[in-house]
Amino acid sequence: MTIRILLADDQESVRIGFRLILDSQPDMEVVGEASDGRQAVELARTLAPDVLLADIRMPRMDGLEVTRQLAGPEAADPVRVVVVTTFGLDEYVHTALHNGACGFLLKRSGPALLVEAVRAAMAGDTLISPSLTVSLLRHAQEAAARPRPARPAEALTERETEIAQLVAKGLTNAEIGAQLFISAGTAKTHIANVQRKLDARNRVGIAAWVWGNGLMK
C-alpha cells in the first residue's frame, strides 16, 4: 500500500526537500503541499492523506492548532500528524502530543528519521527525535514525584500493565511484540485498550501514568 503524504510548511525549499526524500521511497507518495496552516487543514479534509507532515510556525494558523483540528479528540476524521520543526521547545513537544500528534521531529534529524517517522505513524507508533527524549523522560520523572494519578475506572490486566511499562521505555509495537512473543498487531490492540482504560491521548500519556504510579522497572 502506498502511503499518501501531505506536506505543510511555509518554506518552499523545505517542501521540495521533503518531497524528494519521500517520493524516492517505493511505498510513499506526496499528494499535496500547503504553505500555511489553514490551507493544510483544507487540503487534509479534501485529499484525506494518510500522514500530514506539519511545521509549527506557519502563517494564518500554526502547526499546533492544525494538529488539534485534524488529530485532536474532536476531529471527525482524524489524520495522522507528524510535527516537523526547527524548534524543539518543551512546550511545543507537549502541546503537539497533547493535541494528538503521532510524532515530533526536528528538521535537522535527517532523511532516514523522516521516513521512519512516516512509517511509525502508519504503524500506530509515536516517533520523537532522540534529542527530545531526555526532556520527555525528565518531565515524566518530575510527574512521578507528584501525587499519584487516580486509578483507572477499569483496572489494567497483568499483560496490559506489562505492555504499559514497555511503552514507557519507548519500545515500538514491533519491539514489544518481539519481547513478549506476540505479533505487533496484538501489541497495538493491547496498547489501544490501555489508552482507553487510562483515558490517555497517546503513548506519552501511558508513560506518564506508569511513571506517576511508580511502575517503571
N, C-alpha and C. Protein backbone atom coordinates (compact mmCIF):
# COMPACT_ATOMS: atom_id res chain seq x y z
N MET A 1 0.84 -1.19 0.00
CA MET A 1 0.00 0.00 0.00
C MET A 1 0.88 1.24 0.00
N THR A 2 0.54 2.19 -0.83
CA THR A 2 1.28 3.45 -0.89
C THR A 2 0.78 4.41 0.19
N ILE A 3 1.71 4.97 0.95
CA ILE A 3 1.37 5.94 2.00
C ILE A 3 1.25 7.32 1.35
N ARG A 4 0.07 7.91 1.46
CA ARG A 4 -0.20 9.21 0.85
C ARG A 4 0.11 10.31 1.87
N ILE A 5 0.97 11.25 1.49
CA ILE A 5 1.50 12.24 2.43
C ILE A 5 1.19 13.66 1.97
N LEU A 6 0.79 14.50 2.92
CA LEU A 6 0.57 15.92 2.68
C LEU A 6 1.65 16.69 3.43
N LEU A 7 2.27 17.66 2.77
CA LEU A 7 3.31 18.49 3.38
C LEU A 7 2.76 19.86 3.71
N ALA A 8 3.08 20.37 4.90
CA ALA A 8 2.64 21.71 5.29
C ALA A 8 3.82 22.46 5.89
N ASP A 9 4.35 23.42 5.12
CA ASP A 9 5.48 24.22 5.57
C ASP A 9 5.50 25.50 4.74
N ASP A 10 5.77 26.64 5.37
CA ASP A 10 5.73 27.90 4.63
C ASP A 10 6.99 28.12 3.80
N GLN A 11 8.00 27.27 3.96
CA GLN A 11 9.21 27.40 3.16
C GLN A 11 9.18 26.41 2.00
N GLU A 12 9.17 26.94 0.79
CA GLU A 12 9.10 26.08 -0.39
C GLU A 12 10.30 25.14 -0.46
N SER A 13 11.49 25.62 -0.06
CA SER A 13 12.69 24.80 -0.14
C SER A 13 12.57 23.56 0.75
N VAL A 14 11.92 23.73 1.91
CA VAL A 14 11.72 22.59 2.81
C VAL A 14 10.77 21.58 2.18
N ARG A 15 9.69 22.08 1.59
CA ARG A 15 8.72 21.19 0.96
C ARG A 15 9.36 20.42 -0.19
N ILE A 16 10.19 21.10 -0.98
CA ILE A 16 10.87 20.44 -2.10
C ILE A 16 11.79 19.34 -1.57
N GLY A 17 12.54 19.65 -0.51
CA GLY A 17 13.46 18.66 0.06
C GLY A 17 12.72 17.44 0.60
N PHE A 18 11.63 17.68 1.32
CA PHE A 18 10.85 16.57 1.86
C PHE A 18 10.24 15.74 0.74
N ARG A 19 9.75 16.40 -0.29
CA ARG A 19 9.13 15.68 -1.42
C ARG A 19 10.16 14.76 -2.08
N LEU A 20 11.36 15.26 -2.29
CA LEU A 20 12.41 14.46 -2.92
C LEU A 20 12.73 13.21 -2.09
N ILE A 21 12.80 13.39 -0.78
CA ILE A 21 13.11 12.27 0.11
C ILE A 21 11.98 11.24 0.11
N LEU A 22 10.75 11.73 0.28
CA LEU A 22 9.61 10.82 0.44
C LEU A 22 9.19 10.16 -0.86
N ASP A 23 9.20 10.92 -1.96
CA ASP A 23 8.81 10.34 -3.25
C ASP A 23 9.82 9.31 -3.74
N SER A 24 11.03 9.33 -3.16
CA SER A 24 12.03 8.33 -3.57
C SER A 24 11.79 6.98 -2.90
N GLN A 25 10.88 6.95 -1.93
CA GLN A 25 10.55 5.69 -1.26
C GLN A 25 9.52 4.93 -2.09
N PRO A 26 9.68 3.64 -2.26
CA PRO A 26 8.76 2.87 -3.12
C PRO A 26 7.33 2.81 -2.59
N ASP A 27 7.14 3.06 -1.28
CA ASP A 27 5.80 2.94 -0.70
C ASP A 27 5.23 4.28 -0.24
N MET A 28 5.79 5.39 -0.75
CA MET A 28 5.32 6.71 -0.32
C MET A 28 5.07 7.63 -1.52
N GLU A 29 4.10 8.51 -1.35
CA GLU A 29 3.78 9.48 -2.40
C GLU A 29 3.28 10.78 -1.76
N VAL A 30 3.89 11.89 -2.13
CA VAL A 30 3.42 13.20 -1.67
C VAL A 30 2.26 13.62 -2.57
N VAL A 31 1.08 13.78 -1.97
CA VAL A 31 -0.12 14.07 -2.76
C VAL A 31 -0.53 15.54 -2.72
N GLY A 32 0.15 16.33 -1.90
CA GLY A 32 -0.21 17.74 -1.84
C GLY A 32 0.74 18.53 -0.97
N GLU A 33 0.74 19.87 -1.16
CA GLU A 33 1.59 20.76 -0.38
C GLU A 33 0.77 21.97 0.06
N ALA A 34 1.00 22.41 1.29
CA ALA A 34 0.34 23.59 1.82
C ALA A 34 1.40 24.55 2.34
N SER A 35 1.19 25.84 2.09
CA SER A 35 2.17 26.85 2.51
C SER A 35 1.75 27.58 3.78
N ASP A 36 0.56 27.27 4.30
CA ASP A 36 0.13 27.84 5.57
C ASP A 36 -0.81 26.86 6.27
N GLY A 37 -1.09 27.13 7.53
CA GLY A 37 -1.87 26.21 8.33
C GLY A 37 -3.30 26.02 7.87
N ARG A 38 -3.94 27.10 7.50
CA ARG A 38 -5.34 26.98 7.09
C ARG A 38 -5.46 26.16 5.82
N GLN A 39 -4.53 26.38 4.90
CA GLN A 39 -4.54 25.60 3.66
C GLN A 39 -4.28 24.13 3.97
N ALA A 40 -3.44 23.86 4.98
CA ALA A 40 -3.15 22.47 5.36
C ALA A 40 -4.42 21.76 5.83
N VAL A 41 -5.22 22.45 6.63
CA VAL A 41 -6.46 21.87 7.12
C VAL A 41 -7.42 21.61 5.96
N GLU A 42 -7.54 22.58 5.06
CA GLU A 42 -8.45 22.43 3.92
C GLU A 42 -8.02 21.28 3.03
N LEU A 43 -6.72 21.20 2.72
CA LEU A 43 -6.23 20.13 1.84
C LEU A 43 -6.35 18.76 2.52
N ALA A 44 -6.12 18.72 3.83
CA ALA A 44 -6.23 17.44 4.54
C ALA A 44 -7.65 16.92 4.46
N ARG A 45 -8.61 17.80 4.56
CA ARG A 45 -10.01 17.38 4.51
C ARG A 45 -10.45 17.03 3.09
N THR A 46 -9.77 17.60 2.11
CA THR A 46 -10.11 17.32 0.71
C THR A 46 -9.39 16.06 0.20
N LEU A 47 -8.09 15.97 0.50
CA LEU A 47 -7.27 14.88 -0.04
C LEU A 47 -7.26 13.63 0.83
N ALA A 48 -7.63 13.77 2.12
CA ALA A 48 -7.62 12.65 3.07
C ALA A 48 -6.29 11.88 3.02
N PRO A 49 -5.17 12.55 3.30
CA PRO A 49 -3.87 11.86 3.27
C PRO A 49 -3.75 10.88 4.43
N ASP A 50 -2.83 9.95 4.31
CA ASP A 50 -2.56 9.02 5.41
C ASP A 50 -1.77 9.71 6.51
N VAL A 51 -0.85 10.57 6.10
CA VAL A 51 0.01 11.27 7.06
C VAL A 51 0.19 12.72 6.62
N LEU A 52 0.14 13.63 7.59
CA LEU A 52 0.43 15.04 7.36
C LEU A 52 1.70 15.39 8.09
N LEU A 53 2.69 15.95 7.38
CA LEU A 53 3.90 16.47 8.00
C LEU A 53 3.72 17.98 8.12
N ALA A 54 3.69 18.48 9.35
CA ALA A 54 3.35 19.89 9.57
C ALA A 54 4.42 20.63 10.35
N ASP A 55 4.79 21.79 9.85
CA ASP A 55 5.67 22.70 10.57
C ASP A 55 4.87 23.36 11.69
N ILE A 56 5.53 23.97 12.66
CA ILE A 56 4.80 24.66 13.73
C ILE A 56 4.53 26.10 13.35
N ARG A 57 5.55 26.83 13.00
CA ARG A 57 5.39 28.26 12.72
C ARG A 57 5.02 28.48 11.26
N MET A 58 3.72 28.63 11.03
CA MET A 58 3.20 28.89 9.69
C MET A 58 2.22 30.05 9.74
N PRO A 59 2.04 30.76 8.62
CA PRO A 59 1.06 31.86 8.58
C PRO A 59 -0.37 31.35 8.71
N ARG A 60 -1.26 32.23 9.13
CA ARG A 60 -2.71 32.02 9.20
C ARG A 60 -3.15 31.02 10.27
N MET A 61 -2.38 29.97 10.51
CA MET A 61 -2.70 29.01 11.56
C MET A 61 -1.43 28.20 11.85
N ASP A 62 -1.02 28.13 13.12
CA ASP A 62 0.22 27.40 13.40
C ASP A 62 -0.02 25.88 13.41
N GLY A 63 1.09 25.15 13.38
CA GLY A 63 1.00 23.70 13.28
C GLY A 63 0.37 23.03 14.49
N LEU A 64 0.45 23.66 15.65
CA LEU A 64 -0.17 23.08 16.85
C LEU A 64 -1.69 23.10 16.74
N GLU A 65 -2.23 24.21 16.21
CA GLU A 65 -3.68 24.29 16.02
C GLU A 65 -4.12 23.38 14.88
N VAL A 66 -3.30 23.29 13.84
CA VAL A 66 -3.59 22.36 12.75
C VAL A 66 -3.69 20.94 13.30
N THR A 67 -2.75 20.59 14.16
CA THR A 67 -2.76 19.26 14.78
C THR A 67 -4.02 19.04 15.59
N ARG A 68 -4.39 20.03 16.38
CA ARG A 68 -5.59 19.89 17.22
C ARG A 68 -6.83 19.68 16.37
N GLN A 69 -6.96 20.45 15.28
CA GLN A 69 -8.16 20.35 14.44
C GLN A 69 -8.22 19.03 13.68
N LEU A 70 -7.06 18.53 13.27
CA LEU A 70 -7.05 17.33 12.42
C LEU A 70 -6.82 16.02 13.17
N ALA A 71 -6.18 16.09 14.34
CA ALA A 71 -5.84 14.85 15.06
C ALA A 71 -6.36 14.83 16.49
N GLY A 72 -6.93 15.93 16.95
CA GLY A 72 -7.40 16.01 18.32
C GLY A 72 -8.66 15.20 18.56
N PRO A 73 -9.11 15.15 19.81
CA PRO A 73 -10.28 14.32 20.17
C PRO A 73 -11.57 14.74 19.49
N GLU A 74 -11.65 15.98 19.02
CA GLU A 74 -12.86 16.46 18.38
C GLU A 74 -12.84 16.29 16.87
N ALA A 75 -11.73 15.78 16.32
CA ALA A 75 -11.63 15.60 14.87
C ALA A 75 -12.57 14.50 14.41
N ALA A 76 -13.41 14.81 13.44
CA ALA A 76 -14.38 13.83 12.93
C ALA A 76 -13.69 12.69 12.21
N ASP A 77 -12.73 13.02 11.36
CA ASP A 77 -11.95 12.02 10.63
C ASP A 77 -10.47 12.28 10.91
N PRO A 78 -9.95 11.75 12.01
CA PRO A 78 -8.58 12.05 12.43
C PRO A 78 -7.53 11.72 11.37
N VAL A 79 -6.53 12.60 11.29
CA VAL A 79 -5.41 12.41 10.38
C VAL A 79 -4.16 12.19 11.23
N ARG A 80 -3.28 11.31 10.78
CA ARG A 80 -2.01 11.10 11.49
C ARG A 80 -1.12 12.31 11.20
N VAL A 81 -0.78 13.05 12.24
CA VAL A 81 0.04 14.25 12.07
C VAL A 81 1.40 14.06 12.72
N VAL A 82 2.45 14.31 11.95
CA VAL A 82 3.81 14.32 12.49
C VAL A 82 4.31 15.75 12.39
N VAL A 83 4.65 16.34 13.52
CA VAL A 83 5.16 17.70 13.53
C VAL A 83 6.66 17.67 13.23
N VAL A 84 7.08 18.45 12.25
CA VAL A 84 8.49 18.53 11.86
C VAL A 84 8.89 20.00 11.91
N THR A 85 9.75 20.37 12.83
CA THR A 85 10.03 21.78 13.06
C THR A 85 11.48 22.03 13.43
N THR A 86 11.88 23.28 13.37
CA THR A 86 13.21 23.68 13.80
C THR A 86 13.26 23.85 15.31
N PHE A 87 12.10 24.06 15.92
CA PHE A 87 12.03 24.45 17.33
C PHE A 87 11.63 23.27 18.22
N GLY A 88 12.56 22.83 19.07
CA GLY A 88 12.29 21.70 19.95
C GLY A 88 11.96 22.12 21.37
N LEU A 89 11.23 23.21 21.52
CA LEU A 89 10.87 23.68 22.85
C LEU A 89 9.96 22.68 23.55
N ASP A 90 10.17 22.51 24.85
CA ASP A 90 9.36 21.55 25.61
C ASP A 90 7.87 21.80 25.45
N GLU A 91 7.49 23.08 25.51
CA GLU A 91 6.06 23.40 25.43
C GLU A 91 5.48 23.00 24.08
N TYR A 92 6.28 23.11 23.01
CA TYR A 92 5.81 22.70 21.69
C TYR A 92 5.61 21.19 21.64
N VAL A 93 6.59 20.45 22.17
CA VAL A 93 6.51 18.99 22.14
C VAL A 93 5.27 18.52 22.89
N HIS A 94 5.10 19.00 24.10
CA HIS A 94 3.98 18.55 24.93
C HIS A 94 2.64 18.97 24.35
N THR A 95 2.57 20.20 23.83
CA THR A 95 1.31 20.65 23.24
C THR A 95 0.96 19.84 22.01
N ALA A 96 1.96 19.58 21.16
CA ALA A 96 1.72 18.80 19.95
C ALA A 96 1.21 17.40 20.28
N LEU A 97 1.86 16.74 21.23
CA LEU A 97 1.44 15.38 21.61
C LEU A 97 0.08 15.40 22.29
N HIS A 98 -0.16 16.43 23.10
CA HIS A 98 -1.47 16.56 23.76
C HIS A 98 -2.57 16.78 22.72
N ASN A 99 -2.23 17.48 21.63
CA ASN A 99 -3.21 17.76 20.58
C ASN A 99 -3.40 16.60 19.62
N GLY A 100 -2.68 15.50 19.83
CA GLY A 100 -2.91 14.31 19.01
C GLY A 100 -1.82 13.94 18.03
N ALA A 101 -0.70 14.68 18.02
CA ALA A 101 0.39 14.36 17.08
C ALA A 101 0.92 12.96 17.36
N CYS A 102 1.29 12.25 16.31
CA CYS A 102 1.85 10.91 16.49
C CYS A 102 3.34 10.90 16.15
N GLY A 103 3.97 12.05 16.26
CA GLY A 103 5.40 12.15 16.05
C GLY A 103 5.85 13.59 16.17
N PHE A 104 7.10 13.79 16.58
CA PHE A 104 7.65 15.14 16.68
C PHE A 104 9.12 15.05 16.30
N LEU A 105 9.47 15.65 15.17
CA LEU A 105 10.84 15.60 14.67
C LEU A 105 11.42 16.99 14.52
N LEU A 106 12.72 17.09 14.75
CA LEU A 106 13.45 18.31 14.42
C LEU A 106 13.91 18.19 12.96
N LYS A 107 13.89 19.30 12.26
CA LYS A 107 14.23 19.26 10.83
C LYS A 107 15.66 18.79 10.59
N ARG A 108 16.50 18.96 11.60
CA ARG A 108 17.89 18.52 11.44
C ARG A 108 18.05 17.02 11.67
N SER A 109 16.96 16.31 11.93
CA SER A 109 17.04 14.88 12.24
C SER A 109 17.56 14.04 11.07
N GLY A 110 17.32 14.52 9.84
CA GLY A 110 17.85 13.80 8.69
C GLY A 110 16.80 12.98 7.95
N PRO A 111 17.09 12.60 6.70
CA PRO A 111 16.13 11.88 5.85
C PRO A 111 15.67 10.55 6.42
N ALA A 112 16.58 9.76 6.98
CA ALA A 112 16.23 8.42 7.46
C ALA A 112 15.17 8.49 8.56
N LEU A 113 15.32 9.44 9.49
CA LEU A 113 14.37 9.55 10.58
C LEU A 113 13.03 10.09 10.08
N LEU A 114 13.07 10.94 9.06
CA LEU A 114 11.83 11.45 8.47
C LEU A 114 11.00 10.30 7.89
N VAL A 115 11.65 9.45 7.13
CA VAL A 115 10.97 8.29 6.54
C VAL A 115 10.48 7.35 7.63
N GLU A 116 11.31 7.15 8.65
CA GLU A 116 10.94 6.26 9.75
C GLU A 116 9.72 6.80 10.51
N ALA A 117 9.64 8.13 10.65
CA ALA A 117 8.52 8.74 11.36
C ALA A 117 7.21 8.52 10.62
N VAL A 118 7.25 8.60 9.30
CA VAL A 118 6.05 8.36 8.50
C VAL A 118 5.60 6.91 8.65
N ARG A 119 6.54 5.99 8.58
CA ARG A 119 6.19 4.56 8.71
C ARG A 119 5.69 4.26 10.13
N ALA A 120 6.30 4.89 11.12
CA ALA A 120 5.87 4.69 12.51
C ALA A 120 4.44 5.18 12.69
N ALA A 121 4.12 6.34 12.11
CA ALA A 121 2.76 6.88 12.22
C ALA A 121 1.75 5.92 11.62
N MET A 122 2.08 5.33 10.48
CA MET A 122 1.18 4.37 9.84
C MET A 122 1.02 3.11 10.69
N ALA A 123 2.06 2.76 11.45
CA ALA A 123 2.02 1.55 12.27
C ALA A 123 1.37 1.79 13.63
N GLY A 124 0.99 3.05 13.89
CA GLY A 124 0.37 3.37 15.18
C GLY A 124 1.37 3.69 16.27
N ASP A 125 2.64 3.90 15.89
CA ASP A 125 3.67 4.24 16.86
C ASP A 125 3.88 5.76 16.90
N THR A 126 4.58 6.22 17.93
CA THR A 126 4.93 7.63 18.06
C THR A 126 6.43 7.76 18.04
N LEU A 127 6.97 8.45 17.03
CA LEU A 127 8.41 8.63 16.94
C LEU A 127 8.76 10.07 17.31
N ILE A 128 9.71 10.21 18.21
CA ILE A 128 10.15 11.52 18.66
C ILE A 128 11.65 11.61 18.47
N SER A 129 12.13 12.76 18.02
CA SER A 129 13.57 12.94 17.82
C SER A 129 14.33 12.53 19.07
N PRO A 130 15.37 11.72 18.93
CA PRO A 130 16.12 11.25 20.11
C PRO A 130 16.59 12.37 21.02
N SER A 131 16.95 13.51 20.46
CA SER A 131 17.44 14.62 21.28
C SER A 131 16.36 15.19 22.20
N LEU A 132 15.09 14.88 21.91
CA LEU A 132 13.99 15.39 22.73
C LEU A 132 13.54 14.37 23.77
N THR A 133 13.98 13.12 23.63
CA THR A 133 13.52 12.06 24.52
C THR A 133 13.94 12.32 25.97
N VAL A 134 15.16 12.82 26.17
CA VAL A 134 15.65 13.09 27.52
C VAL A 134 14.74 14.09 28.23
N SER A 135 14.32 15.11 27.48
CA SER A 135 13.42 16.11 28.06
C SER A 135 12.10 15.49 28.48
N LEU A 136 11.55 14.62 27.62
CA LEU A 136 10.27 13.97 27.95
C LEU A 136 10.41 13.07 29.17
N LEU A 137 11.52 12.35 29.26
CA LEU A 137 11.74 11.49 30.42
C LEU A 137 11.90 12.31 31.70
N ARG A 138 12.54 13.48 31.58
CA ARG A 138 12.69 14.33 32.75
C ARG A 138 11.32 14.77 33.26
N HIS A 139 10.45 15.15 32.33
CA HIS A 139 9.10 15.55 32.72
C HIS A 139 8.35 14.38 33.35
N ALA A 140 8.57 13.18 32.81
CA ALA A 140 7.90 12.00 33.36
C ALA A 140 8.39 11.73 34.78
N GLN A 141 9.69 11.91 35.01
CA GLN A 141 10.24 11.68 36.34
C GLN A 141 9.72 12.73 37.33
N GLU A 142 9.59 13.96 36.86
CA GLU A 142 9.02 15.00 37.72
C GLU A 142 7.57 14.66 38.07
N ALA A 143 6.86 14.09 37.08
CA ALA A 143 5.48 13.70 37.34
C ALA A 143 5.42 12.57 38.37
N ALA A 144 6.46 11.73 38.39
CA ALA A 144 6.48 10.62 39.32
C ALA A 144 6.59 11.09 40.77
N ALA A 145 7.15 12.30 40.94
CA ALA A 145 7.32 12.84 42.29
C ALA A 145 6.04 13.50 42.81
N ARG A 146 5.09 13.72 41.92
CA ARG A 146 3.83 14.34 42.33
C ARG A 146 2.87 13.27 42.85
N PRO A 147 1.74 13.69 43.43
CA PRO A 147 0.75 12.71 43.88
C PRO A 147 0.37 11.77 42.74
N ARG A 148 0.16 10.51 43.06
CA ARG A 148 -0.11 9.51 42.03
C ARG A 148 -1.43 9.78 41.32
N PRO A 149 -1.46 9.57 40.02
CA PRO A 149 -2.71 9.75 39.27
C PRO A 149 -3.80 8.81 39.79
N ALA A 150 -5.03 9.23 39.58
CA ALA A 150 -6.15 8.39 40.02
C ALA A 150 -6.12 7.05 39.31
N ARG A 151 -6.60 6.02 40.00
CA ARG A 151 -6.66 4.71 39.37
C ARG A 151 -7.67 4.74 38.23
N PRO A 152 -7.40 3.99 37.17
CA PRO A 152 -8.36 3.95 36.06
C PRO A 152 -9.68 3.33 36.49
N ALA A 153 -10.75 3.75 35.84
CA ALA A 153 -12.07 3.22 36.18
C ALA A 153 -12.11 1.70 35.98
N GLU A 154 -11.40 1.24 34.97
CA GLU A 154 -11.32 -0.20 34.69
C GLU A 154 -9.87 -0.63 34.84
N ALA A 155 -9.59 -1.54 35.73
CA ALA A 155 -8.22 -1.93 36.05
C ALA A 155 -7.53 -2.58 34.84
N LEU A 156 -6.22 -2.33 34.73
CA LEU A 156 -5.43 -2.98 33.69
C LEU A 156 -5.16 -4.43 34.08
N THR A 157 -5.13 -5.29 33.09
CA THR A 157 -4.74 -6.68 33.34
C THR A 157 -3.23 -6.73 33.54
N GLU A 158 -2.76 -7.87 33.99
CA GLU A 158 -1.32 -8.03 34.19
C GLU A 158 -0.56 -7.83 32.89
N ARG A 159 -1.08 -8.36 31.79
CA ARG A 159 -0.42 -8.20 30.50
C ARG A 159 -0.46 -6.74 30.05
N GLU A 160 -1.57 -6.05 30.26
CA GLU A 160 -1.68 -4.65 29.87
C GLU A 160 -0.72 -3.78 30.68
N THR A 161 -0.55 -4.09 31.96
CA THR A 161 0.41 -3.35 32.78
C THR A 161 1.82 -3.56 32.27
N GLU A 162 2.13 -4.80 31.89
CA GLU A 162 3.44 -5.13 31.35
C GLU A 162 3.70 -4.36 30.06
N ILE A 163 2.68 -4.29 29.22
CA ILE A 163 2.82 -3.57 27.95
C ILE A 163 2.95 -2.07 28.20
N ALA A 164 2.21 -1.53 29.17
CA ALA A 164 2.32 -0.11 29.51
C ALA A 164 3.74 0.23 29.95
N GLN A 165 4.37 -0.67 30.70
CA GLN A 165 5.74 -0.46 31.14
C GLN A 165 6.71 -0.43 29.96
N LEU A 166 6.47 -1.29 28.99
CA LEU A 166 7.33 -1.31 27.80
C LEU A 166 7.12 -0.06 26.95
N VAL A 167 5.88 0.41 26.87
CA VAL A 167 5.61 1.68 26.17
C VAL A 167 6.38 2.80 26.84
N ALA A 168 6.40 2.81 28.19
CA ALA A 168 7.10 3.86 28.93
C ALA A 168 8.61 3.82 28.69
N LYS A 169 9.12 2.65 28.28
CA LYS A 169 10.53 2.53 27.95
C LYS A 169 10.84 2.99 26.52
N GLY A 170 9.78 3.32 25.77
CA GLY A 170 9.96 3.82 24.42
C GLY A 170 9.97 2.77 23.33
N LEU A 171 9.55 1.54 23.65
CA LEU A 171 9.56 0.48 22.65
C LEU A 171 8.42 0.66 21.65
N THR A 172 8.67 0.30 20.41
CA THR A 172 7.65 0.34 19.37
C THR A 172 6.76 -0.89 19.48
N ASN A 173 5.67 -0.91 18.71
CA ASN A 173 4.78 -2.08 18.71
C ASN A 173 5.54 -3.35 18.34
N ALA A 174 6.39 -3.24 17.32
CA ALA A 174 7.16 -4.41 16.87
C ALA A 174 8.11 -4.90 17.95
N GLU A 175 8.77 -3.98 18.64
CA GLU A 175 9.71 -4.35 19.70
C GLU A 175 8.99 -4.98 20.88
N ILE A 176 7.81 -4.44 21.21
CA ILE A 176 7.01 -5.01 22.30
C ILE A 176 6.58 -6.43 21.93
N GLY A 177 6.14 -6.60 20.68
CA GLY A 177 5.72 -7.91 20.22
C GLY A 177 6.85 -8.92 20.30
N ALA A 178 8.05 -8.50 19.87
CA ALA A 178 9.20 -9.41 19.89
C ALA A 178 9.56 -9.81 21.31
N GLN A 179 9.49 -8.86 22.24
CA GLN A 179 9.86 -9.15 23.63
C GLN A 179 8.85 -10.04 24.32
N LEU A 180 7.58 -9.90 23.96
CA LEU A 180 6.53 -10.69 24.62
C LEU A 180 6.07 -11.89 23.79
N PHE A 181 6.71 -12.08 22.62
CA PHE A 181 6.38 -13.20 21.73
C PHE A 181 4.92 -13.12 21.26
N ILE A 182 4.50 -11.92 20.90
CA ILE A 182 3.19 -11.70 20.30
C ILE A 182 3.39 -10.88 19.03
N SER A 183 2.38 -10.80 18.20
CA SER A 183 2.51 -10.03 16.97
C SER A 183 2.43 -8.54 17.28
N ALA A 184 2.96 -7.73 16.35
CA ALA A 184 2.89 -6.28 16.51
C ALA A 184 1.43 -5.82 16.53
N GLY A 185 0.58 -6.51 15.76
CA GLY A 185 -0.84 -6.16 15.73
C GLY A 185 -1.51 -6.41 17.08
N THR A 186 -1.14 -7.52 17.73
CA THR A 186 -1.69 -7.82 19.05
C THR A 186 -1.21 -6.79 20.07
N ALA A 187 0.07 -6.39 19.96
CA ALA A 187 0.60 -5.35 20.85
C ALA A 187 -0.16 -4.04 20.66
N LYS A 188 -0.45 -3.72 19.41
CA LYS A 188 -1.19 -2.50 19.11
C LYS A 188 -2.58 -2.54 19.73
N THR A 189 -3.23 -3.70 19.68
CA THR A 189 -4.56 -3.84 20.27
C THR A 189 -4.50 -3.66 21.78
N HIS A 190 -3.51 -4.26 22.41
CA HIS A 190 -3.35 -4.10 23.86
C HIS A 190 -3.13 -2.62 24.22
N ILE A 191 -2.29 -1.94 23.43
CA ILE A 191 -2.00 -0.53 23.71
C ILE A 191 -3.25 0.31 23.57
N ALA A 192 -4.07 0.02 22.58
CA ALA A 192 -5.33 0.74 22.41
C ALA A 192 -6.24 0.53 23.62
N ASN A 193 -6.26 -0.69 24.16
CA ASN A 193 -7.06 -0.97 25.35
C ASN A 193 -6.53 -0.21 26.57
N VAL A 194 -5.20 -0.14 26.67
CA VAL A 194 -4.59 0.60 27.78
C VAL A 194 -4.93 2.08 27.68
N GLN A 195 -4.83 2.65 26.48
CA GLN A 195 -5.18 4.06 26.29
C GLN A 195 -6.62 4.32 26.69
N ARG A 196 -7.51 3.41 26.31
CA ARG A 196 -8.92 3.59 26.64
C ARG A 196 -9.14 3.55 28.14
N LYS A 197 -8.52 2.58 28.81
CA LYS A 197 -8.72 2.44 30.25
C LYS A 197 -8.12 3.60 31.04
N LEU A 198 -6.99 4.12 30.54
CA LEU A 198 -6.32 5.22 31.24
C LEU A 198 -6.81 6.58 30.79
N ASP A 199 -7.64 6.59 29.73
CA ASP A 199 -8.08 7.84 29.12
C ASP A 199 -6.86 8.66 28.69
N ALA A 200 -5.87 7.96 28.12
CA ALA A 200 -4.64 8.60 27.66
C ALA A 200 -4.75 8.95 26.19
N ARG A 201 -4.29 10.11 25.82
CA ARG A 201 -4.39 10.55 24.41
C ARG A 201 -3.41 9.80 23.51
N ASN A 202 -2.26 9.43 24.06
CA ASN A 202 -1.23 8.79 23.24
C ASN A 202 -0.27 8.01 24.14
N ARG A 203 0.81 7.55 23.56
CA ARG A 203 1.78 6.73 24.28
C ARG A 203 2.48 7.51 25.39
N VAL A 204 2.65 8.80 25.18
CA VAL A 204 3.27 9.63 26.22
C VAL A 204 2.37 9.65 27.46
N GLY A 205 1.05 9.68 27.25
CA GLY A 205 0.12 9.65 28.37
C GLY A 205 0.23 8.34 29.14
N ILE A 206 0.44 7.24 28.41
CA ILE A 206 0.63 5.94 29.07
C ILE A 206 1.91 5.97 29.90
N ALA A 207 2.99 6.51 29.30
CA ALA A 207 4.28 6.58 30.01
C ALA A 207 4.16 7.42 31.27
N ALA A 208 3.44 8.54 31.19
CA ALA A 208 3.27 9.40 32.35
C ALA A 208 2.54 8.66 33.47
N TRP A 209 1.54 7.84 33.10
CA TRP A 209 0.80 7.07 34.11
C TRP A 209 1.71 6.04 34.78
N VAL A 210 2.55 5.38 33.98
CA VAL A 210 3.46 4.38 34.53
C VAL A 210 4.43 5.03 35.51
N TRP A 211 5.05 6.14 35.10
CA TRP A 211 5.99 6.84 35.96
C TRP A 211 5.28 7.38 37.20
N GLY A 212 4.10 7.97 36.98
CA GLY A 212 3.38 8.57 38.09
C GLY A 212 2.94 7.57 39.15
N ASN A 213 2.80 6.32 38.78
CA ASN A 213 2.39 5.29 39.72
C ASN A 213 3.58 4.44 40.20
N GLY A 214 4.77 4.86 39.84
CA GLY A 214 5.96 4.15 40.32
C GLY A 214 6.08 2.75 39.79
N LEU A 215 5.58 2.53 38.55
CA LEU A 215 5.58 1.17 37.99
C LEU A 215 6.75 0.92 37.05
N MET A 216 7.62 1.92 36.86
CA MET A 216 8.72 1.75 35.93
C MET A 216 9.75 0.80 36.50
N LYS A 217 10.11 -0.23 35.73
CA LYS A 217 11.10 -1.21 36.19
C LYS A 217 12.45 -0.91 35.57
